[in-house]
C-alpha atoms as a PDB file:
ATOM      1  CA  MET A   1      99.586 101.191 124.719  1.00  0.00           C
ATOM      2  CA  ARG A   2     103.196 102.255 125.006  1.00  0.00           C
ATOM      3  CA  LEU A   3     104.839 101.426 121.705  1.00  0.00           C
ATOM      4  CA  ARG A   4     108.504 101.872 122.606  1.00  0.00           C
ATOM      5  CA  PRO A   5     108.631  99.033 125.212  1.00  0.00           C
ATOM      6  CA  VAL A   6     106.881  96.664 122.791  1.00  0.00           C
ATOM      7  CA  ILE A   7     109.398  97.305 120.011  1.00  0.00           C
ATOM      8  CA  LEU A   8     112.381  97.106 122.379  1.00  0.00           C
ATOM      9  CA  ASN A   9     111.095  93.817 123.816  1.00  0.00           C
ATOM     10  CA  LEU A  10     110.664  92.309 120.341  1.00  0.00           C
ATOM     11  CA  ARG A  11     114.178  93.418 119.410  1.00  0.00           C
ATOM     12  CA  SER A  12     115.636  91.980 122.606  1.00  0.00           C
ATOM     13  CA  ASN A  13     113.912  88.629 122.082  1.00  0.00           C
ATOM     14  CA  ALA A  14     115.007  88.475 118.443  1.00  0.00           C
ATOM     15  CA  LEU A  15     118.622  88.996 119.497  1.00  0.00           C
ATOM     16  CA  LYS A  16     118.367  86.256 122.151  1.00  0.00           C
ATOM     17  CA  PHE A  17     116.836  83.538 120.002  1.00  0.00           C
ATOM     18  CA  THR A  18     118.478  83.772 116.585  1.00  0.00           C
ATOM     19  CA  SER A  19     121.940  84.378 115.186  1.00  0.00           C
ATOM     20  CA  LYS A  20     120.651  86.079 112.024  1.00  0.00           C
ATOM     21  CA  VAL A  21     118.314  88.800 113.214  1.00  0.00           C
ATOM     22  CA  LYS A  22     115.980  90.666 110.905  1.00  0.00           C
ATOM     23  CA  ILE A  23     113.399  93.055 112.291  1.00  0.00           C
ATOM     24  CA  SER A  24     110.976  94.785 109.961  1.00  0.00           C
ATOM     25  CA  LEU A  25     108.559  97.515 111.076  1.00  0.00           C
ATOM     26  CA  ASN A  26     105.920  98.817 108.668  1.00  0.00           C
ATOM     27  CA  ILE A  27     103.576 101.627 109.691  1.00  0.00           C
ATOM     28  CA  LEU A  28     100.400 102.373 107.754  1.00  0.00           C
ATOM     29  CA  MET A  29      97.842 105.120 108.335  1.00  0.00           C
ATOM     30  CA  VAL A  30      94.542 103.253 108.050  1.00  0.00           C
ATOM     31  CA  SER A  31      92.143 106.161 108.477  1.00  0.00           C
ATOM     32  CA  GLU A  32      92.039 109.786 109.497  1.00  0.00           C
ATOM     33  CA  ASP A  33      89.352 112.244 110.484  1.00  0.00           C
ATOM     34  CA  ARG A  34      89.267 115.583 112.289  1.00  0.00           C
ATOM     35  CA  LYS A  35      89.613 114.001 115.748  1.00  0.00           C
ATOM     36  CA  SER A  36      91.713 110.875 115.331  1.00  0.00           C
ATOM     37  CA  ILE A  37      94.090 108.812 113.254  1.00  0.00           C
ATOM     38  CA  ALA A  38      94.140 104.997 113.088  1.00  0.00           C
ATOM     39  CA  ILE A  39      97.585 103.511 112.549  1.00  0.00           C
ATOM     40  CA  GLU A  40      98.457  99.877 111.817  1.00  0.00           C
ATOM     41  CA  PHE A  41     101.830  98.433 112.809  1.00  0.00           C
ATOM     42  CA  LEU A  42     103.189  95.285 111.189  1.00  0.00           C
ATOM     43  CA  ILE A  43     106.249  93.911 112.953  1.00  0.00           C
ATOM     44  CA  THR A  44     108.134  90.943 111.521  1.00  0.00           C
ATOM     45  CA  VAL A  45     110.979  89.363 113.481  1.00  0.00           C
ATOM     46  CA  THR A  46     113.050  86.332 112.511  1.00  0.00           C
ATOM     47  CA  GLY A  47     113.596  83.667 115.132  1.00  0.00           C
ATOM     48  CA  ILE A  48     111.852  80.730 116.732  1.00  0.00           C
ATOM     49  CA  GLY A  49     108.540  82.564 116.945  1.00  0.00           C
ATOM     50  CA  ILE A  50     105.835  82.752 119.583  1.00  0.00           C
ATOM     51  CA  ALA A  51     103.862  79.703 120.651  1.00  0.00           C
ATOM     52  CA  GLN A  52     100.269  79.924 119.423  1.00  0.00           C
ATOM     53  CA  ASP A  53      99.040  79.663 123.037  1.00  0.00           C
ATOM     54  CA  ASN A  54     100.859  82.920 123.903  1.00  0.00           C
ATOM     55  CA  VAL A  55      99.956  85.095 120.914  1.00  0.00           C
ATOM     56  CA  GLU A  56      96.928  86.788 122.518  1.00  0.00           C
ATOM     57  CA  GLN A  57      98.762  87.464 125.786  1.00  0.00           C
ATOM     58  CA  ILE A  58     101.943  88.957 124.358  1.00  0.00           C
ATOM     59  CA  PHE A  59     100.843  92.607 124.595  1.00  0.00           C
ATOM     60  CA  LYS A  60      98.949  92.462 127.921  1.00  0.00           C
ATOM     61  CA  ASN A  61     101.928  93.781 129.922  1.00  0.00           C
ATOM     62  CA  PHE A  62     101.968  96.919 127.770  1.00  0.00           C
ATOM     63  CA  GLU A  63      98.289  97.911 128.022  1.00  0.00           C
END
């Protein structure tokens, strides 16, 4: 997954749909071994939100 387009898209949508924008990005290393690292991203954006019906599909364009 390409991370940059996802973050830029979230920022763009936050700017469109709210006058008081707050974007928070937290990055946590979940696990690490000799061959790989698992990273968790928690992104919080103020605004009207995403309809529950669309939550699972939001990242499909970036896979």
